[in-house]
Amino acid sequence: MQEAISLVDILNELREIKERLSRIEEAVENLIDSTLTPDEEELLKEVKDKISKGDFSDFIPLEKLDEVLGE
């Protein structure tokens, strides 16, 4: 016995598939946006190393650092 399928049923199924694909696309985009590139990872490592050593010269103008330390 064959099941009758209407065009409306097909259209609704296609809409559901489109919505699922849209959610998958958004999830992949979010994953890509949250993943660091090798250059970003290296920069992050350098910044963490400098901060752990107390070297803030790249982040704070030396004049401001002198003002704070001189007080």
N, C-alpha and C. Protein backbone atom coordinates (compact mmCIF):
# COMPACT_ATOMS: atom_id res chain seq x y z
N MET A 1 0.84 -1.17 0.00
CA MET A 1 0.00 0.00 0.00
C MET A 1 0.89 1.24 0.00
N GLN A 2 0.59 2.19 -0.85
CA GLN A 2 1.38 3.42 -0.92
C GLN A 2 0.73 4.50 -0.08
N GLU A 3 1.58 5.26 0.55
CA GLU A 3 1.09 6.38 1.36
C GLU A 3 0.97 7.61 0.47
N ALA A 4 -0.13 8.30 0.59
CA ALA A 4 -0.33 9.51 -0.21
C ALA A 4 0.42 10.67 0.43
N ILE A 5 1.21 11.35 -0.39
CA ILE A 5 1.96 12.51 0.09
C ILE A 5 1.53 13.71 -0.73
N SER A 6 1.15 14.74 -0.04
CA SER A 6 0.70 15.94 -0.75
C SER A 6 1.88 16.89 -0.95
N LEU A 7 1.67 17.82 -1.84
CA LEU A 7 2.70 18.84 -2.06
C LEU A 7 2.92 19.68 -0.81
N VAL A 8 1.87 19.89 -0.04
CA VAL A 8 1.98 20.64 1.21
C VAL A 8 2.89 19.90 2.19
N ASP A 9 2.76 18.57 2.26
CA ASP A 9 3.63 17.77 3.13
C ASP A 9 5.09 17.90 2.70
N ILE A 10 5.31 17.85 1.40
CA ILE A 10 6.68 17.97 0.88
C ILE A 10 7.24 19.36 1.19
N LEU A 11 6.43 20.38 1.00
CA LEU A 11 6.84 21.75 1.27
C LEU A 11 7.19 21.93 2.75
N ASN A 12 6.35 21.38 3.63
CA ASN A 12 6.63 21.48 5.07
C ASN A 12 7.92 20.76 5.44
N GLU A 13 8.14 19.61 4.85
CA GLU A 13 9.36 18.85 5.11
C GLU A 13 10.59 19.63 4.63
N LEU A 14 10.48 20.24 3.47
CA LEU A 14 11.58 21.04 2.94
C LEU A 14 11.86 22.26 3.83
N ARG A 15 10.82 22.85 4.37
CA ARG A 15 11.00 23.99 5.29
C ARG A 15 11.74 23.53 6.55
N GLU A 16 11.38 22.38 7.07
CA GLU A 16 12.06 21.84 8.26
C GLU A 16 13.54 21.58 7.96
N ILE A 17 13.80 21.01 6.81
CA ILE A 17 15.19 20.73 6.41
C ILE A 17 15.96 22.05 6.29
N LYS A 18 15.34 23.06 5.70
CA LYS A 18 15.99 24.37 5.55
C LYS A 18 16.31 24.96 6.93
N GLU A 19 15.38 24.87 7.87
CA GLU A 19 15.60 25.39 9.22
C GLU A 19 16.74 24.64 9.92
N ARG A 20 16.78 23.32 9.77
CA ARG A 20 17.86 22.53 10.37
C ARG A 20 19.20 22.92 9.78
N LEU A 21 19.24 23.08 8.46
CA LEU A 21 20.49 23.47 7.80
C LEU A 21 20.94 24.86 8.27
N SER A 22 19.99 25.74 8.47
CA SER A 22 20.31 27.08 8.95
C SER A 22 20.92 27.03 10.35
N ARG A 23 20.35 26.19 11.22
CA ARG A 23 20.89 26.04 12.58
C ARG A 23 22.28 25.42 12.56
N ILE A 24 22.48 24.45 11.67
CA ILE A 24 23.80 23.81 11.53
C ILE A 24 24.81 24.83 11.03
N GLU A 25 24.42 25.62 10.03
CA GLU A 25 25.31 26.64 9.49
C GLU A 25 25.71 27.65 10.57
N GLU A 26 24.75 28.08 11.37
CA GLU A 26 25.02 29.02 12.44
C GLU A 26 25.97 28.41 13.48
N ALA A 27 25.76 27.15 13.81
CA ALA A 27 26.63 26.48 14.78
C ALA A 27 28.05 26.36 14.25
N VAL A 28 28.21 26.05 12.98
CA VAL A 28 29.54 25.96 12.37
C VAL A 28 30.21 27.33 12.36
N GLU A 29 29.47 28.37 12.01
CA GLU A 29 30.02 29.73 12.02
C GLU A 29 30.48 30.13 13.42
N ASN A 30 29.68 29.80 14.42
CA ASN A 30 30.06 30.11 15.80
C ASN A 30 31.32 29.36 16.20
N LEU A 31 31.43 28.11 15.78
CA LEU A 31 32.62 27.31 16.07
C LEU A 31 33.85 27.92 15.40
N ILE A 32 33.71 28.31 14.16
CA ILE A 32 34.83 28.93 13.44
C ILE A 32 35.24 30.23 14.12
N ASP A 33 34.26 31.04 14.51
CA ASP A 33 34.55 32.31 15.16
C ASP A 33 35.24 32.12 16.52
N SER A 34 34.95 31.01 17.18
CA SER A 34 35.51 30.79 18.52
C SER A 34 36.85 30.07 18.48
N THR A 35 37.30 29.66 17.30
CA THR A 35 38.56 28.94 17.17
C THR A 35 39.66 29.93 16.80
N LEU A 36 40.74 29.91 17.56
CA LEU A 36 41.86 30.81 17.29
C LEU A 36 42.70 30.29 16.13
N THR A 37 43.20 31.23 15.34
CA THR A 37 44.14 30.88 14.28
C THR A 37 45.50 30.63 14.93
N PRO A 38 46.41 29.97 14.23
CA PRO A 38 47.76 29.78 14.79
C PRO A 38 48.43 31.11 15.17
N ASP A 39 48.24 32.15 14.36
CA ASP A 39 48.81 33.46 14.69
C ASP A 39 48.21 34.03 15.97
N GLU A 40 46.89 33.88 16.13
CA GLU A 40 46.23 34.36 17.34
C GLU A 40 46.69 33.58 18.56
N GLU A 41 46.87 32.28 18.42
CA GLU A 41 47.35 31.45 19.52
C GLU A 41 48.75 31.89 19.95
N GLU A 42 49.62 32.16 18.97
CA GLU A 42 50.99 32.60 19.27
C GLU A 42 50.97 33.96 19.97
N LEU A 43 50.16 34.88 19.49
CA LEU A 43 50.05 36.19 20.12
C LEU A 43 49.54 36.07 21.54
N LEU A 44 48.53 35.24 21.75
CA LEU A 44 47.99 35.03 23.09
C LEU A 44 49.05 34.47 24.02
N LYS A 45 49.86 33.53 23.54
CA LYS A 45 50.94 32.95 24.34
C LYS A 45 51.96 34.02 24.71
N GLU A 46 52.33 34.86 23.74
CA GLU A 46 53.30 35.92 24.00
C GLU A 46 52.76 36.90 25.06
N VAL A 47 51.50 37.27 24.93
CA VAL A 47 50.89 38.21 25.88
C VAL A 47 50.85 37.58 27.28
N LYS A 48 50.45 36.32 27.37
CA LYS A 48 50.41 35.66 28.67
C LYS A 48 51.80 35.58 29.29
N ASP A 49 52.81 35.28 28.47
CA ASP A 49 54.19 35.21 28.98
C ASP A 49 54.64 36.57 29.51
N LYS A 50 54.37 37.63 28.76
CA LYS A 50 54.77 38.97 29.19
C LYS A 50 54.07 39.36 30.49
N ILE A 51 52.79 39.08 30.57
CA ILE A 51 52.03 39.43 31.78
C ILE A 51 52.54 38.63 32.97
N SER A 52 52.83 37.35 32.77
CA SER A 52 53.31 36.53 33.89
C SER A 52 54.68 37.01 34.37
N LYS A 53 55.47 37.65 33.49
CA LYS A 53 56.78 38.18 33.87
C LYS A 53 56.68 39.61 34.38
N GLY A 54 55.49 40.17 34.37
CA GLY A 54 55.29 41.53 34.84
C GLY A 54 55.67 42.59 33.83
N ASP A 55 55.83 42.22 32.57
CA ASP A 55 56.19 43.15 31.51
C ASP A 55 54.92 43.69 30.87
N PHE A 56 54.53 44.91 31.28
CA PHE A 56 53.31 45.53 30.76
C PHE A 56 53.61 46.63 29.76
N SER A 57 54.86 46.75 29.34
CA SER A 57 55.27 47.86 28.48
C SER A 57 54.54 47.88 27.14
N ASP A 58 54.12 46.75 26.65
CA ASP A 58 53.38 46.73 25.39
C ASP A 58 51.92 47.12 25.55
N PHE A 59 51.45 47.16 26.79
CA PHE A 59 50.02 47.37 27.04
C PHE A 59 49.73 48.73 27.66
N ILE A 60 50.72 49.29 28.36
CA ILE A 60 50.54 50.56 29.06
C ILE A 60 51.66 51.49 28.61
N PRO A 61 51.33 52.72 28.20
CA PRO A 61 52.39 53.65 27.83
C PRO A 61 53.36 53.83 29.00
N LEU A 62 54.65 53.87 28.71
CA LEU A 62 55.66 53.96 29.76
C LEU A 62 55.45 55.18 30.65
N GLU A 63 54.97 56.28 30.07
CA GLU A 63 54.73 57.49 30.88
C GLU A 63 53.70 57.20 31.97
N LYS A 64 52.64 56.52 31.61
CA LYS A 64 51.59 56.17 32.58
C LYS A 64 52.14 55.21 33.63
N LEU A 65 52.94 54.26 33.19
CA LEU A 65 53.52 53.29 34.12
C LEU A 65 54.45 54.00 35.09
N ASP A 66 55.25 54.93 34.59
CA ASP A 66 56.14 55.72 35.46
C ASP A 66 55.33 56.53 36.46
N GLU A 67 54.22 57.13 36.01
CA GLU A 67 53.38 57.92 36.92
C GLU A 67 52.86 57.05 38.06
N VAL A 68 52.37 55.88 37.73
CA VAL A 68 51.78 55.00 38.74
C VAL A 68 52.87 54.48 39.68
N LEU A 69 54.00 54.08 39.14
CA LEU A 69 55.07 53.54 39.98
C LEU A 69 55.76 54.64 40.77
N GLY A 70 55.75 55.87 40.28
CA GLY A 70 56.43 56.97 40.95
C GLY A 70 55.64 57.53 42.12
N GLU A 71 54.38 57.22 42.18
CA GLU A 71 53.54 57.76 43.27
C GLU A 71 53.75 57.06 44.57
